[in-house]
Amino acid sequence: MSELALLRAEALGCRRCPLWRNATQTVFGAGPAPAAMMLVGEQPGDREDVAGQPFVGPAGQLLDQALAEAGIDRATVYVTNAVKHFKNEPRGKRRLHKKPDASEIEACRWWLDRERELVRPRLTVALGATAAAALLKRETTIARLRGRAIESESGSLWITVHPSYLLRLPDETSRQREFVRFVNDLQGAGRWLAQRSAPLS
């Protein structure tokens, strides 16, 4: 069993913060290791919580579409989340998404750091403000840092929006416009990697 598989198995019993109580299961990252690119989102959603896999719901389907249009094969990318349990508020038969707070992000950073050590990405793409905060270890705004490489303690980072942001936009015109911007961000990340391509050892 690989080190990453062992880490995934260990994470299944995670009790580092209280979020496990209302979640079905830990949703660990998925993809190859090593991988040149790692995508980090906020947390699993309802679909991911049930399936036990990251980015398989509506936001994940939109991400797949954007990656394809950007010329990036998802099979070559490692995808994970800053927080590994679905934070939610039960509302009848539904479970409403709740944004993880700083203490929950901090508690889960241990897993994210271990994943990054084993996957060894040359570029980590933060999808949304929560992922960016987890990787930069401080709050930040997407608009200020979006669409360019940033050097940090966590290595080379690229910041863009989370695909769920596109799903929340009120009209089709806005969604189409922001989808094109999202694809452009991913293309930029791919070009940055291509310019610095070197064999992974």
N, C-alpha and C. Protein backbone atom coordinates (compact mmCIF):
# COMPACT_ATOMS: atom_id res chain seq x y z
N MET A 1 0.84 -1.19 0.00
CA MET A 1 0.00 0.00 0.00
C MET A 1 0.88 1.26 0.00
N SER A 2 0.56 2.22 -0.86
CA SER A 2 1.36 3.44 -0.96
C SER A 2 1.20 4.30 0.30
N GLU A 3 2.13 5.23 0.47
CA GLU A 3 2.04 6.15 1.61
C GLU A 3 0.76 6.98 1.55
N LEU A 4 0.37 7.35 0.34
CA LEU A 4 -0.85 8.15 0.20
C LEU A 4 -2.08 7.32 0.57
N ALA A 5 -2.10 6.06 0.16
CA ALA A 5 -3.21 5.18 0.52
C ALA A 5 -3.27 4.97 2.04
N LEU A 6 -2.12 4.86 2.67
CA LEU A 6 -2.08 4.72 4.13
C LEU A 6 -2.60 5.98 4.81
N LEU A 7 -2.23 7.14 4.27
CA LEU A 7 -2.71 8.41 4.83
C LEU A 7 -4.22 8.52 4.65
N ARG A 8 -4.72 8.12 3.50
CA ARG A 8 -6.17 8.14 3.25
C ARG A 8 -6.90 7.25 4.25
N ALA A 9 -6.36 6.07 4.50
CA ALA A 9 -6.97 5.15 5.46
C ALA A 9 -6.96 5.74 6.87
N GLU A 10 -5.87 6.40 7.21
CA GLU A 10 -5.78 7.03 8.53
C GLU A 10 -6.80 8.16 8.68
N ALA A 11 -7.01 8.92 7.60
CA ALA A 11 -7.93 10.05 7.64
C ALA A 11 -9.39 9.62 7.85
N LEU A 12 -9.71 8.39 7.51
CA LEU A 12 -11.09 7.91 7.66
C LEU A 12 -11.56 7.99 9.12
N GLY A 13 -10.62 7.90 10.05
CA GLY A 13 -10.98 7.97 11.46
C GLY A 13 -10.71 9.33 12.09
N CYS A 14 -10.58 10.37 11.26
CA CYS A 14 -10.19 11.68 11.78
C CYS A 14 -11.24 12.25 12.73
N ARG A 15 -10.74 12.72 13.89
CA ARG A 15 -11.59 13.40 14.88
C ARG A 15 -10.91 14.70 15.34
N ARG A 16 -10.14 15.32 14.44
CA ARG A 16 -9.36 16.51 14.80
C ARG A 16 -10.24 17.73 15.05
N CYS A 17 -11.47 17.74 14.54
CA CYS A 17 -12.43 18.80 14.82
C CYS A 17 -13.82 18.17 14.87
N PRO A 18 -14.85 18.88 15.30
CA PRO A 18 -16.17 18.26 15.47
C PRO A 18 -16.95 17.98 14.18
N LEU A 19 -16.44 18.36 13.02
CA LEU A 19 -17.23 18.24 11.79
C LEU A 19 -17.60 16.80 11.45
N TRP A 20 -16.84 15.84 11.90
CA TRP A 20 -17.13 14.43 11.57
C TRP A 20 -18.50 14.01 12.11
N ARG A 21 -19.00 14.67 13.14
CA ARG A 21 -20.25 14.23 13.79
C ARG A 21 -21.47 14.31 12.86
N ASN A 22 -21.51 15.34 11.99
CA ASN A 22 -22.66 15.50 11.09
C ASN A 22 -22.36 15.06 9.66
N ALA A 23 -21.19 14.50 9.45
CA ALA A 23 -20.80 14.05 8.11
C ALA A 23 -20.94 12.54 7.99
N THR A 24 -21.12 12.08 6.77
CA THR A 24 -21.21 10.64 6.53
C THR A 24 -19.85 9.99 6.66
N GLN A 25 -18.83 10.67 6.13
CA GLN A 25 -17.49 10.07 6.10
C GLN A 25 -16.46 11.14 5.75
N THR A 26 -15.21 10.81 5.98
CA THR A 26 -14.10 11.65 5.50
C THR A 26 -14.05 11.56 3.98
N VAL A 27 -13.87 12.69 3.33
CA VAL A 27 -13.69 12.71 1.87
C VAL A 27 -12.25 13.16 1.62
N PHE A 28 -11.40 12.20 1.32
CA PHE A 28 -9.98 12.47 1.10
C PHE A 28 -9.76 12.84 -0.36
N GLY A 29 -8.54 13.26 -0.68
CA GLY A 29 -8.21 13.61 -2.05
C GLY A 29 -8.15 12.40 -2.97
N ALA A 30 -8.09 12.68 -4.27
CA ALA A 30 -8.03 11.61 -5.26
C ALA A 30 -7.17 12.05 -6.44
N GLY A 31 -6.46 11.09 -7.01
CA GLY A 31 -5.62 11.39 -8.17
C GLY A 31 -4.25 10.77 -8.04
N PRO A 32 -3.41 11.02 -9.03
CA PRO A 32 -2.08 10.40 -9.04
C PRO A 32 -1.13 11.08 -8.06
N ALA A 33 -0.13 10.34 -7.65
CA ALA A 33 0.96 10.89 -6.84
C ALA A 33 2.27 10.24 -7.30
N PRO A 34 3.24 11.03 -7.74
CA PRO A 34 3.21 12.49 -7.78
C PRO A 34 2.32 13.03 -8.89
N ALA A 35 1.97 14.32 -8.77
CA ALA A 35 1.18 15.01 -9.80
C ALA A 35 1.73 16.43 -9.93
N ALA A 36 1.85 16.91 -11.16
CA ALA A 36 2.38 18.26 -11.36
C ALA A 36 1.44 19.32 -10.83
N MET A 37 0.12 19.05 -10.90
CA MET A 37 -0.87 20.03 -10.46
C MET A 37 -1.78 19.42 -9.41
N MET A 38 -2.01 20.18 -8.34
CA MET A 38 -2.98 19.80 -7.32
C MET A 38 -4.04 20.90 -7.26
N LEU A 39 -5.31 20.51 -7.26
CA LEU A 39 -6.41 21.44 -7.09
C LEU A 39 -6.96 21.28 -5.68
N VAL A 40 -7.12 22.40 -4.98
CA VAL A 40 -7.63 22.37 -3.60
C VAL A 40 -8.91 23.20 -3.54
N GLY A 41 -10.02 22.57 -3.13
CA GLY A 41 -11.27 23.27 -2.94
C GLY A 41 -11.52 23.56 -1.47
N GLU A 42 -12.74 23.93 -1.15
CA GLU A 42 -13.08 24.29 0.22
C GLU A 42 -13.34 23.06 1.08
N GLN A 43 -14.40 22.31 0.74
CA GLN A 43 -14.82 21.15 1.50
C GLN A 43 -15.72 20.31 0.61
N PRO A 44 -15.94 19.03 0.96
CA PRO A 44 -16.88 18.24 0.19
C PRO A 44 -18.30 18.77 0.36
N GLY A 45 -19.12 18.58 -0.67
CA GLY A 45 -20.53 18.91 -0.59
C GLY A 45 -21.35 17.67 -0.26
N ASP A 46 -22.65 17.79 -0.39
CA ASP A 46 -23.55 16.69 -0.05
C ASP A 46 -23.25 15.44 -0.88
N ARG A 47 -23.12 15.61 -2.19
CA ARG A 47 -22.86 14.46 -3.08
C ARG A 47 -21.53 13.80 -2.74
N GLU A 48 -20.51 14.62 -2.50
CA GLU A 48 -19.18 14.10 -2.18
C GLU A 48 -19.19 13.36 -0.84
N ASP A 49 -19.94 13.90 0.11
CA ASP A 49 -20.05 13.28 1.43
C ASP A 49 -20.65 11.89 1.34
N VAL A 50 -21.63 11.73 0.50
CA VAL A 50 -22.28 10.42 0.32
C VAL A 50 -21.38 9.47 -0.46
N ALA A 51 -20.74 9.99 -1.53
CA ALA A 51 -19.92 9.14 -2.40
C ALA A 51 -18.53 8.85 -1.81
N GLY A 52 -18.04 9.74 -0.95
CA GLY A 52 -16.70 9.56 -0.41
C GLY A 52 -15.60 9.95 -1.37
N GLN A 53 -15.95 10.73 -2.41
CA GLN A 53 -14.99 11.17 -3.43
C GLN A 53 -15.11 12.67 -3.63
N PRO A 54 -13.99 13.37 -3.87
CA PRO A 54 -14.06 14.82 -4.07
C PRO A 54 -14.54 15.20 -5.47
N PHE A 55 -15.26 16.31 -5.54
CA PHE A 55 -15.66 16.93 -6.81
C PHE A 55 -16.42 15.97 -7.73
N VAL A 56 -17.47 15.37 -7.20
CA VAL A 56 -18.31 14.50 -8.03
C VAL A 56 -19.72 15.06 -8.19
N GLY A 57 -20.04 16.15 -7.50
CA GLY A 57 -21.35 16.78 -7.60
C GLY A 57 -21.39 17.81 -8.71
N PRO A 58 -22.38 18.71 -8.70
CA PRO A 58 -22.51 19.72 -9.76
C PRO A 58 -21.26 20.58 -9.94
N ALA A 59 -20.63 21.01 -8.84
CA ALA A 59 -19.40 21.81 -8.96
C ALA A 59 -18.28 21.00 -9.58
N GLY A 60 -18.21 19.71 -9.24
CA GLY A 60 -17.20 18.84 -9.81
C GLY A 60 -17.40 18.63 -11.30
N GLN A 61 -18.67 18.51 -11.72
CA GLN A 61 -18.95 18.36 -13.15
C GLN A 61 -18.57 19.61 -13.93
N LEU A 62 -18.81 20.77 -13.31
CA LEU A 62 -18.42 22.02 -13.95
C LEU A 62 -16.90 22.13 -14.01
N LEU A 63 -16.23 21.69 -12.95
CA LEU A 63 -14.77 21.67 -12.95
C LEU A 63 -14.23 20.77 -14.06
N ASP A 64 -14.82 19.60 -14.22
CA ASP A 64 -14.40 18.69 -15.30
C ASP A 64 -14.51 19.38 -16.66
N GLN A 65 -15.63 20.07 -16.87
CA GLN A 65 -15.85 20.76 -18.14
C GLN A 65 -14.81 21.85 -18.35
N ALA A 66 -14.53 22.62 -17.29
CA ALA A 66 -13.55 23.71 -17.40
C ALA A 66 -12.15 23.16 -17.65
N LEU A 67 -11.77 22.10 -16.96
CA LEU A 67 -10.46 21.49 -17.18
C LEU A 67 -10.33 21.01 -18.62
N ALA A 68 -11.38 20.37 -19.14
CA ALA A 68 -11.35 19.87 -20.52
C ALA A 68 -11.16 21.03 -21.49
N GLU A 69 -11.90 22.13 -21.28
CA GLU A 69 -11.78 23.28 -22.19
C GLU A 69 -10.42 23.96 -22.06
N ALA A 70 -9.81 23.83 -20.88
CA ALA A 70 -8.48 24.41 -20.68
C ALA A 70 -7.37 23.49 -21.19
N GLY A 71 -7.73 22.30 -21.64
CA GLY A 71 -6.73 21.36 -22.17
C GLY A 71 -5.98 20.61 -21.09
N ILE A 72 -6.59 20.47 -19.92
CA ILE A 72 -5.96 19.77 -18.80
C ILE A 72 -6.71 18.48 -18.54
N ASP A 73 -6.01 17.36 -18.56
CA ASP A 73 -6.60 16.05 -18.33
C ASP A 73 -6.79 15.85 -16.82
N ARG A 74 -8.04 15.74 -16.37
CA ARG A 74 -8.26 15.60 -14.93
C ARG A 74 -7.57 14.37 -14.37
N ALA A 75 -7.39 13.34 -15.16
CA ALA A 75 -6.75 12.12 -14.68
C ALA A 75 -5.30 12.36 -14.26
N THR A 76 -4.71 13.47 -14.71
CA THR A 76 -3.32 13.78 -14.35
C THR A 76 -3.22 14.72 -13.15
N VAL A 77 -4.37 15.15 -12.63
CA VAL A 77 -4.43 16.16 -11.57
C VAL A 77 -4.89 15.53 -10.26
N TYR A 78 -4.29 15.94 -9.16
CA TYR A 78 -4.73 15.49 -7.84
C TYR A 78 -5.72 16.52 -7.31
N VAL A 79 -6.91 16.08 -6.90
CA VAL A 79 -7.94 17.00 -6.40
C VAL A 79 -8.24 16.68 -4.94
N THR A 80 -8.37 17.71 -4.14
CA THR A 80 -8.66 17.53 -2.72
C THR A 80 -9.36 18.77 -2.19
N ASN A 81 -9.59 18.81 -0.89
CA ASN A 81 -10.22 19.96 -0.25
C ASN A 81 -9.43 20.37 0.98
N ALA A 82 -9.56 21.65 1.35
CA ALA A 82 -8.90 22.15 2.55
C ALA A 82 -9.48 21.50 3.80
N VAL A 83 -10.78 21.20 3.77
CA VAL A 83 -11.48 20.55 4.88
C VAL A 83 -12.07 19.25 4.37
N LYS A 84 -11.88 18.17 5.11
CA LYS A 84 -12.22 16.83 4.61
C LYS A 84 -13.59 16.31 5.02
N HIS A 85 -14.33 17.04 5.86
CA HIS A 85 -15.69 16.64 6.21
C HIS A 85 -16.67 17.71 5.74
N PHE A 86 -17.86 17.30 5.41
CA PHE A 86 -18.93 18.19 4.94
C PHE A 86 -19.54 18.92 6.12
N LYS A 87 -19.30 20.23 6.20
CA LYS A 87 -19.92 21.03 7.26
C LYS A 87 -21.31 21.44 6.78
N ASN A 88 -22.31 21.05 7.54
CA ASN A 88 -23.68 21.28 7.08
C ASN A 88 -24.62 21.54 8.25
N GLU A 89 -25.75 22.10 7.89
CA GLU A 89 -26.81 22.34 8.87
C GLU A 89 -28.05 21.59 8.40
N PRO A 90 -28.49 20.55 9.14
CA PRO A 90 -29.70 19.82 8.73
C PRO A 90 -30.91 20.75 8.69
N ARG A 91 -31.68 20.68 7.61
CA ARG A 91 -32.88 21.49 7.44
C ARG A 91 -33.95 20.60 6.82
N GLY A 92 -34.71 19.91 7.68
CA GLY A 92 -35.65 18.91 7.19
C GLY A 92 -34.89 17.73 6.62
N LYS A 93 -35.20 17.38 5.38
CA LYS A 93 -34.47 16.28 4.73
C LYS A 93 -33.20 16.75 4.04
N ARG A 94 -33.01 18.06 3.99
CA ARG A 94 -31.84 18.61 3.29
C ARG A 94 -30.73 18.93 4.28
N ARG A 95 -29.51 18.99 3.76
CA ARG A 95 -28.36 19.41 4.56
C ARG A 95 -27.75 20.61 3.86
N LEU A 96 -27.83 21.76 4.49
CA LEU A 96 -27.35 22.99 3.87
C LEU A 96 -25.87 23.21 4.17
N HIS A 97 -25.14 23.57 3.14
CA HIS A 97 -23.71 23.85 3.25
C HIS A 97 -23.46 25.00 4.21
N LYS A 98 -22.45 24.85 5.06
CA LYS A 98 -21.98 25.93 5.93
C LYS A 98 -20.48 26.10 5.72
N LYS A 99 -20.04 27.34 5.65
CA LYS A 99 -18.61 27.60 5.41
C LYS A 99 -17.80 27.20 6.64
N PRO A 100 -16.71 26.46 6.45
CA PRO A 100 -15.86 26.10 7.59
C PRO A 100 -15.20 27.34 8.19
N ASP A 101 -15.00 27.31 9.52
CA ASP A 101 -14.37 28.46 10.15
C ASP A 101 -12.85 28.24 10.27
N ALA A 102 -12.17 29.26 10.79
CA ALA A 102 -10.70 29.23 10.82
C ALA A 102 -10.17 28.06 11.63
N SER A 103 -10.83 27.72 12.74
CA SER A 103 -10.35 26.62 13.58
C SER A 103 -10.48 25.28 12.87
N GLU A 104 -11.53 25.12 12.07
CA GLU A 104 -11.73 23.86 11.33
C GLU A 104 -10.73 23.75 10.18
N ILE A 105 -10.47 24.87 9.53
CA ILE A 105 -9.45 24.88 8.47
C ILE A 105 -8.08 24.54 9.05
N GLU A 106 -7.79 25.13 10.21
CA GLU A 106 -6.50 24.89 10.86
C GLU A 106 -6.37 23.43 11.29
N ALA A 107 -7.43 22.86 11.86
CA ALA A 107 -7.40 21.46 12.30
C ALA A 107 -7.14 20.52 11.13
N CYS A 108 -7.69 20.87 9.96
CA CYS A 108 -7.57 19.99 8.79
C CYS A 108 -6.30 20.25 7.98
N ARG A 109 -5.59 21.34 8.28
CA ARG A 109 -4.38 21.65 7.52
C ARG A 109 -3.35 20.53 7.62
N TRP A 110 -3.35 19.82 8.75
CA TRP A 110 -2.41 18.72 8.93
C TRP A 110 -2.53 17.71 7.80
N TRP A 111 -3.78 17.37 7.42
CA TRP A 111 -3.99 16.40 6.32
C TRP A 111 -3.56 16.99 4.99
N LEU A 112 -3.92 18.25 4.75
CA LEU A 112 -3.55 18.89 3.49
C LEU A 112 -2.04 18.98 3.33
N ASP A 113 -1.35 19.32 4.41
CA ASP A 113 0.12 19.38 4.35
C ASP A 113 0.72 18.01 4.04
N ARG A 114 0.18 16.95 4.64
CA ARG A 114 0.69 15.60 4.37
C ARG A 114 0.42 15.21 2.91
N GLU A 115 -0.77 15.54 2.42
CA GLU A 115 -1.08 15.25 1.01
C GLU A 115 -0.07 15.93 0.09
N ARG A 116 0.21 17.21 0.35
CA ARG A 116 1.10 17.95 -0.52
C ARG A 116 2.53 17.39 -0.46
N GLU A 117 2.93 16.92 0.70
CA GLU A 117 4.26 16.30 0.82
C GLU A 117 4.37 15.05 -0.05
N LEU A 118 3.28 14.29 -0.12
CA LEU A 118 3.31 13.02 -0.87
C LEU A 118 3.02 13.21 -2.36
N VAL A 119 2.15 14.14 -2.70
CA VAL A 119 1.81 14.38 -4.11
C VAL A 119 2.90 15.21 -4.80
N ARG A 120 3.55 16.08 -4.04
CA ARG A 120 4.65 16.92 -4.54
C ARG A 120 4.28 17.72 -5.80
N PRO A 121 3.18 18.47 -5.75
CA PRO A 121 2.80 19.26 -6.93
C PRO A 121 3.80 20.38 -7.20
N ARG A 122 4.03 20.66 -8.47
CA ARG A 122 4.83 21.83 -8.82
C ARG A 122 3.98 23.09 -8.73
N LEU A 123 2.66 22.93 -8.89
CA LEU A 123 1.75 24.07 -8.77
C LEU A 123 0.48 23.60 -8.07
N THR A 124 0.09 24.35 -7.04
CA THR A 124 -1.15 24.07 -6.32
C THR A 124 -2.15 25.16 -6.66
N VAL A 125 -3.32 24.76 -7.17
CA VAL A 125 -4.35 25.72 -7.56
C VAL A 125 -5.40 25.77 -6.46
N ALA A 126 -5.55 26.95 -5.85
CA ALA A 126 -6.56 27.15 -4.81
C ALA A 126 -7.86 27.57 -5.48
N LEU A 127 -8.90 26.77 -5.26
CA LEU A 127 -10.22 27.06 -5.81
C LEU A 127 -11.05 27.76 -4.72
N GLY A 128 -11.04 29.07 -4.73
CA GLY A 128 -11.84 29.82 -3.78
C GLY A 128 -11.06 30.32 -2.58
N ALA A 129 -11.72 31.20 -1.81
CA ALA A 129 -11.07 31.91 -0.71
C ALA A 129 -10.68 31.00 0.44
N THR A 130 -11.49 29.98 0.75
CA THR A 130 -11.16 29.08 1.85
C THR A 130 -9.88 28.30 1.55
N ALA A 131 -9.77 27.78 0.34
CA ALA A 131 -8.57 27.05 -0.05
C ALA A 131 -7.36 27.97 -0.05
N ALA A 132 -7.54 29.18 -0.55
CA ALA A 132 -6.43 30.14 -0.57
C ALA A 132 -5.97 30.46 0.85
N ALA A 133 -6.92 30.65 1.77
CA ALA A 133 -6.58 30.95 3.16
C ALA A 133 -5.84 29.79 3.81
N ALA A 134 -6.28 28.56 3.50
CA ALA A 134 -5.62 27.37 4.07
C ALA A 134 -4.18 27.26 3.59
N LEU A 135 -3.94 27.59 2.33
CA LEU A 135 -2.61 27.44 1.76
C LEU A 135 -1.69 28.62 2.10
N LEU A 136 -2.26 29.81 2.16
CA LEU A 136 -1.47 30.99 2.48
C LEU A 136 -1.34 31.22 3.98
N LYS A 137 -2.20 30.51 4.75
CA LYS A 137 -2.24 30.65 6.21
C LYS A 137 -2.63 32.06 6.64
N ARG A 138 -3.47 32.68 5.84
CA ARG A 138 -4.03 33.99 6.16
C ARG A 138 -5.23 34.24 5.25
N GLU A 139 -6.13 35.10 5.69
CA GLU A 139 -7.27 35.48 4.87
C GLU A 139 -6.78 36.30 3.67
N THR A 140 -7.47 36.13 2.55
CA THR A 140 -7.10 36.90 1.36
C THR A 140 -8.34 37.09 0.50
N THR A 141 -8.24 37.98 -0.49
CA THR A 141 -9.34 38.17 -1.44
C THR A 141 -8.93 37.60 -2.78
N ILE A 142 -9.85 36.92 -3.41
CA ILE A 142 -9.57 36.28 -4.71
C ILE A 142 -9.19 37.32 -5.76
N ALA A 143 -9.93 38.43 -5.80
CA ALA A 143 -9.73 39.43 -6.86
C ALA A 143 -8.30 39.94 -6.89
N ARG A 144 -7.66 40.08 -5.73
CA ARG A 144 -6.33 40.67 -5.66
C ARG A 144 -5.24 39.73 -6.19
N LEU A 145 -5.45 38.43 -6.03
CA LEU A 145 -4.39 37.46 -6.34
C LEU A 145 -4.74 36.52 -7.49
N ARG A 146 -5.91 36.69 -8.05
CA ARG A 146 -6.41 35.72 -9.03
C ARG A 146 -5.58 35.67 -10.32
N GLY A 147 -5.41 34.43 -10.81
CA GLY A 147 -4.89 34.24 -12.15
C GLY A 147 -3.41 34.47 -12.34
N ARG A 148 -2.61 34.32 -11.29
CA ARG A 148 -1.15 34.44 -11.44
C ARG A 148 -0.46 33.59 -10.39
N ALA A 149 0.77 33.23 -10.67
CA ALA A 149 1.53 32.41 -9.74
C ALA A 149 2.00 33.24 -8.56
N ILE A 150 1.94 32.65 -7.38
CA ILE A 150 2.37 33.29 -6.14
C ILE A 150 3.33 32.34 -5.45
N GLU A 151 4.45 32.84 -5.01
CA GLU A 151 5.37 32.01 -4.25
C GLU A 151 5.09 32.19 -2.76
N SER A 152 4.96 31.10 -2.03
CA SER A 152 4.61 31.16 -0.62
C SER A 152 5.32 30.05 0.14
N GLU A 153 5.08 29.98 1.45
CA GLU A 153 5.61 28.87 2.26
C GLU A 153 5.16 27.53 1.72
N SER A 154 3.97 27.53 1.11
CA SER A 154 3.39 26.29 0.58
C SER A 154 3.87 25.97 -0.82
N GLY A 155 4.85 26.73 -1.34
CA GLY A 155 5.33 26.50 -2.70
C GLY A 155 4.61 27.41 -3.68
N SER A 156 4.58 27.02 -4.94
CA SER A 156 3.96 27.83 -6.00
C SER A 156 2.45 27.63 -5.98
N LEU A 157 1.72 28.75 -5.86
CA LEU A 157 0.26 28.71 -5.79
C LEU A 157 -0.33 29.49 -6.96
N TRP A 158 -1.54 29.08 -7.34
CA TRP A 158 -2.31 29.79 -8.36
C TRP A 158 -3.73 29.87 -7.81
N ILE A 159 -4.30 31.06 -7.78
CA ILE A 159 -5.59 31.25 -7.13
C ILE A 159 -6.66 31.62 -8.14
N THR A 160 -7.81 30.94 -8.02
CA THR A 160 -8.97 31.26 -8.85
C THR A 160 -10.24 31.02 -8.02
N VAL A 161 -11.38 31.11 -8.66
CA VAL A 161 -12.64 30.91 -7.95
C VAL A 161 -12.94 29.42 -7.80
N HIS A 162 -13.87 29.11 -6.91
CA HIS A 162 -14.38 27.75 -6.79
C HIS A 162 -15.51 27.59 -7.82
N PRO A 163 -15.61 26.45 -8.48
CA PRO A 163 -16.68 26.30 -9.48
C PRO A 163 -18.09 26.49 -8.91
N SER A 164 -18.27 26.25 -7.62
CA SER A 164 -19.60 26.47 -7.03
C SER A 164 -20.02 27.93 -7.10
N TYR A 165 -19.04 28.84 -7.15
CA TYR A 165 -19.34 30.27 -7.32
C TYR A 165 -20.12 30.50 -8.62
N LEU A 166 -19.72 29.80 -9.67
CA LEU A 166 -20.39 29.95 -10.97
C LEU A 166 -21.83 29.46 -10.89
N LEU A 167 -22.06 28.40 -10.13
CA LEU A 167 -23.40 27.83 -10.01
C LEU A 167 -24.34 28.76 -9.25
N ARG A 168 -23.79 29.64 -8.42
CA ARG A 168 -24.64 30.54 -7.63
C ARG A 168 -24.97 31.84 -8.36
N LEU A 169 -24.37 32.09 -9.51
CA LEU A 169 -24.64 33.34 -10.24
C LEU A 169 -26.09 33.36 -10.72
N PRO A 170 -26.71 34.55 -10.74
CA PRO A 170 -28.16 34.62 -10.94
C PRO A 170 -28.66 34.44 -12.36
N ASP A 171 -27.81 34.61 -13.36
CA ASP A 171 -28.30 34.53 -14.73
C ASP A 171 -27.27 33.86 -15.63
N GLU A 172 -27.76 33.38 -16.77
CA GLU A 172 -26.93 32.61 -17.69
C GLU A 172 -25.80 33.45 -18.28
N THR A 173 -26.06 34.73 -18.54
CA THR A 173 -25.02 35.59 -19.11
C THR A 173 -23.83 35.69 -18.15
N SER A 174 -24.12 35.91 -16.87
CA SER A 174 -23.05 35.99 -15.86
C SER A 174 -22.31 34.67 -15.75
N ARG A 175 -23.06 33.57 -15.77
CA ARG A 175 -22.42 32.26 -15.65
C ARG A 175 -21.49 31.98 -16.82
N GLN A 176 -21.93 32.31 -18.03
CA GLN A 176 -21.08 32.09 -19.20
C GLN A 176 -19.82 32.94 -19.15
N ARG A 177 -19.99 34.21 -18.77
CA ARG A 177 -18.83 35.12 -18.70
C ARG A 177 -17.82 34.64 -17.67
N GLU A 178 -18.30 34.26 -16.49
CA GLU A 178 -17.40 33.83 -15.43
C GLU A 178 -16.81 32.44 -15.70
N PHE A 179 -17.54 31.62 -16.44
CA PHE A 179 -16.99 30.32 -16.81
C PHE A 179 -15.78 30.51 -17.73
N VAL A 180 -15.89 31.44 -18.67
CA VAL A 180 -14.76 31.74 -19.58
C VAL A 180 -13.56 32.23 -18.77
N ARG A 181 -13.80 33.10 -17.79
CA ARG A 181 -12.70 33.58 -16.93
C ARG A 181 -12.06 32.43 -16.15
N PHE A 182 -12.90 31.52 -15.67
CA PHE A 182 -12.41 30.36 -14.92
C PHE A 182 -11.54 29.48 -15.81
N VAL A 183 -12.01 29.21 -17.02
CA VAL A 183 -11.22 28.41 -17.98
C VAL A 183 -9.89 29.12 -18.27
N ASN A 184 -9.94 30.44 -18.45
CA ASN A 184 -8.70 31.19 -18.71
C ASN A 184 -7.71 31.06 -17.56
N ASP A 185 -8.23 31.09 -16.32
CA ASP A 185 -7.36 30.91 -15.16
C ASP A 185 -6.68 29.55 -15.19
N LEU A 186 -7.45 28.51 -15.49
CA LEU A 186 -6.90 27.15 -15.54
C LEU A 186 -5.89 27.01 -16.68
N GLN A 187 -6.20 27.63 -17.82
CA GLN A 187 -5.25 27.62 -18.93
C GLN A 187 -3.94 28.30 -18.53
N GLY A 188 -4.06 29.40 -17.82
CA GLY A 188 -2.86 30.10 -17.35
C GLY A 188 -2.02 29.23 -16.44
N ALA A 189 -2.68 28.49 -15.55
CA ALA A 189 -1.97 27.57 -14.66
C ALA A 189 -1.27 26.48 -15.47
N GLY A 190 -1.97 25.96 -16.49
CA GLY A 190 -1.37 24.94 -17.35
C GLY A 190 -0.17 25.46 -18.11
N ARG A 191 -0.26 26.71 -18.61
CA ARG A 191 0.88 27.30 -19.33
C ARG A 191 2.06 27.51 -18.39
N TRP A 192 1.78 27.97 -17.17
CA TRP A 192 2.85 28.18 -16.20
C TRP A 192 3.61 26.87 -15.95
N LEU A 193 2.85 25.79 -15.81
CA LEU A 193 3.49 24.48 -15.60
C LEU A 193 4.29 24.04 -16.82
N ALA A 194 3.71 24.23 -18.00
CA ALA A 194 4.38 23.80 -19.23
C ALA A 194 5.71 24.53 -19.40
N GLN A 195 5.74 25.80 -19.02
CA GLN A 195 6.98 26.58 -19.15
C GLN A 195 8.06 26.12 -18.17
N ARG A 196 7.63 25.45 -17.12
CA ARG A 196 8.59 25.00 -16.08
C ARG A 196 8.64 23.48 -16.01
N SER A 197 8.27 22.85 -17.10
CA SER A 197 8.17 21.39 -17.09
C SER A 197 9.53 20.76 -16.85
N ALA A 198 9.50 19.77 -15.98
CA ALA A 198 10.69 18.97 -15.66
C ALA A 198 10.20 17.63 -15.22
N PRO A 199 10.94 16.56 -15.49
CA PRO A 199 10.46 15.22 -15.10
C PRO A 199 10.28 15.14 -13.58
N LEU A 200 9.20 14.48 -13.15
CA LEU A 200 8.99 14.22 -11.73
C LEU A 200 9.80 12.99 -11.33
N SER A 201 10.60 13.12 -10.29
CA SER A 201 11.42 11.97 -9.86
C SER A 201 10.65 11.10 -8.90
